[in-house]
Amino acid sequence: MPTVLAVASEIVANSPFGVWMTKETLWANLETPSLRAGIDIENRTQILASFTEDSRRAMSGFLAGERPDWQNK
């Protein structure tokens, strides 16, 4: 149980949009017909995520050495 709680804490420390899209991409890739299709799904997800406000917060937080305050925007 302590290990499960530690992993859960790591997951919730991330952007809600990022966690959601990671799960969506994981499920979508279970049914992809090829590696190329899987890479295309991942690329699309990365592009979508890069347009979020939380993406900018992540970058500024990283550069400042601080944990971002996620707004789920």
C-alpha atoms as a PDB file:
ATOM      1  CA  MET A   1       0.000   0.000   0.000  1.00  0.00           C
ATOM      2  CA  PRO A   2       2.759   2.552   0.736  1.00  0.00           C
ATOM      3  CA  THR A   3       4.173   2.006  -2.758  1.00  0.00           C
ATOM      4  CA  VAL A   4       0.747   2.484  -4.344  1.00  0.00           C
ATOM      5  CA  LEU A   5       0.210   5.720  -2.416  1.00  0.00           C
ATOM      6  CA  ALA A   6       3.673   6.974  -3.411  1.00  0.00           C
ATOM      7  CA  VAL A   7       2.960   6.328  -7.106  1.00  0.00           C
ATOM      8  CA  ALA A   8      -0.482   7.949  -6.802  1.00  0.00           C
ATOM      9  CA  SER A   9       1.144  11.033  -5.238  1.00  0.00           C
ATOM     10  CA  GLU A  10       3.554  11.267  -8.178  1.00  0.00           C
ATOM     11  CA  ILE A  11       0.677  11.022 -10.657  1.00  0.00           C
ATOM     12  CA  VAL A  12      -1.488  13.699  -9.034  1.00  0.00           C
ATOM     13  CA  ALA A  13       1.499  16.053  -8.892  1.00  0.00           C
ATOM     14  CA  ASN A  14       1.270  16.327 -12.695  1.00  0.00           C
ATOM     15  CA  SER A  15      -0.989  18.452 -14.854  1.00  0.00           C
ATOM     16  CA  PRO A  16      -4.560  17.102 -14.875  1.00  0.00           C
ATOM     17  CA  PHE A  17      -4.663  17.517 -18.670  1.00  0.00           C
ATOM     18  CA  GLY A  18      -1.362  15.683 -19.014  1.00  0.00           C
ATOM     19  CA  VAL A  19      -2.537  12.765 -16.889  1.00  0.00           C
ATOM     20  CA  TRP A  20      -5.819  12.579 -18.803  1.00  0.00           C
ATOM     21  CA  MET A  21      -4.096  12.650 -22.205  1.00  0.00           C
ATOM     22  CA  THR A  22      -1.550  10.046 -21.092  1.00  0.00           C
ATOM     23  CA  LYS A  23      -4.390   7.693 -20.195  1.00  0.00           C
ATOM     24  CA  GLU A  24      -6.243   8.450 -23.447  1.00  0.00           C
ATOM     25  CA  THR A  25      -3.108   7.838 -25.498  1.00  0.00           C
ATOM     26  CA  LEU A  26      -2.375   4.603 -23.663  1.00  0.00           C
ATOM     27  CA  TRP A  27      -5.848   3.259 -24.378  1.00  0.00           C
ATOM     28  CA  ALA A  28      -5.792   4.468 -27.997  1.00  0.00           C
ATOM     29  CA  ASN A  29      -2.442   2.788 -28.626  1.00  0.00           C
ATOM     30  CA  LEU A  30      -3.786  -0.583 -27.523  1.00  0.00           C
ATOM     31  CA  GLU A  31      -5.734  -0.706 -30.780  1.00  0.00           C
ATOM     32  CA  THR A  32      -3.327   0.930 -33.223  1.00  0.00           C
ATOM     33  CA  PRO A  33      -2.526  -1.114 -36.316  1.00  0.00           C
ATOM     34  CA  SER A  34       1.134  -0.074 -36.502  1.00  0.00           C
ATOM     35  CA  LEU A  35       3.995   1.662 -34.768  1.00  0.00           C
ATOM     36  CA  ARG A  36       3.574   4.614 -37.153  1.00  0.00           C
ATOM     37  CA  ALA A  37      -0.066   5.019 -36.100  1.00  0.00           C
ATOM     38  CA  GLY A  38       0.962   4.943 -32.435  1.00  0.00           C
ATOM     39  CA  ILE A  39       3.629   7.567 -33.027  1.00  0.00           C
ATOM     40  CA  ASP A  40       1.078   9.744 -34.841  1.00  0.00           C
ATOM     41  CA  ILE A  41      -1.279   9.556 -31.845  1.00  0.00           C
ATOM     42  CA  GLU A  42       1.553  10.511 -29.500  1.00  0.00           C
ATOM     43  CA  ASN A  43       2.620  13.402 -31.736  1.00  0.00           C
ATOM     44  CA  ARG A  44      -0.948  14.730 -31.869  1.00  0.00           C
ATOM     45  CA  THR A  45      -1.190  14.543 -28.092  1.00  0.00           C
ATOM     46  CA  GLN A  46       2.101  16.402 -27.610  1.00  0.00           C
ATOM     47  CA  ILE A  47       0.968  19.170 -29.959  1.00  0.00           C
ATOM     48  CA  LEU A  48      -2.376  19.521 -28.167  1.00  0.00           C
ATOM     49  CA  ALA A  49      -0.645  19.692 -24.792  1.00  0.00           C
ATOM     50  CA  SER A  50       1.802  22.336 -25.973  1.00  0.00           C
ATOM     51  CA  PHE A  51      -1.047  24.820 -26.496  1.00  0.00           C
ATOM     52  CA  THR A  52      -2.282  24.671 -22.898  1.00  0.00           C
ATOM     53  CA  GLU A  53      -1.590  27.271 -20.242  1.00  0.00           C
ATOM     54  CA  ASP A  54      -0.345  24.474 -17.997  1.00  0.00           C
ATOM     55  CA  SER A  55       2.356  23.707 -20.572  1.00  0.00           C
ATOM     56  CA  ARG A  56       3.701  27.226 -20.164  1.00  0.00           C
ATOM     57  CA  ARG A  57       3.434  26.888 -16.387  1.00  0.00           C
ATOM     58  CA  ALA A  58       5.413  23.645 -16.553  1.00  0.00           C
ATOM     59  CA  MET A  59       8.225  25.262 -18.530  1.00  0.00           C
ATOM     60  CA  SER A  60       8.471  28.331 -16.297  1.00  0.00           C
ATOM     61  CA  GLY A  61       8.300  26.143 -13.190  1.00  0.00           C
ATOM     62  CA  PHE A  62      11.037  23.893 -14.520  1.00  0.00           C
ATOM     63  CA  LEU A  63      13.289  26.848 -15.324  1.00  0.00           C
ATOM     64  CA  ALA A  64      12.656  28.359 -11.883  1.00  0.00           C
ATOM     65  CA  GLY A  65      13.163  25.023 -10.119  1.00  0.00           C
ATOM     66  CA  GLU A  66       9.637  25.139  -8.724  1.00  0.00           C
ATOM     67  CA  ARG A  67       6.599  22.919  -8.953  1.00  0.00           C
ATOM     68  CA  PRO A  68       3.896  24.478 -11.173  1.00  0.00           C
ATOM     69  CA  ASP A  69       0.523  25.470  -9.795  1.00  0.00           C
ATOM     70  CA  TRP A  70      -1.690  23.569 -12.245  1.00  0.00           C
ATOM     71  CA  GLN A  71      -4.793  25.411 -13.413  1.00  0.00           C
ATOM     72  CA  ASN A  72      -6.074  22.713 -15.792  1.00  0.00           C
ATOM     73  CA  LYS A  73      -6.238  25.256 -18.615  1.00  0.00           C
END
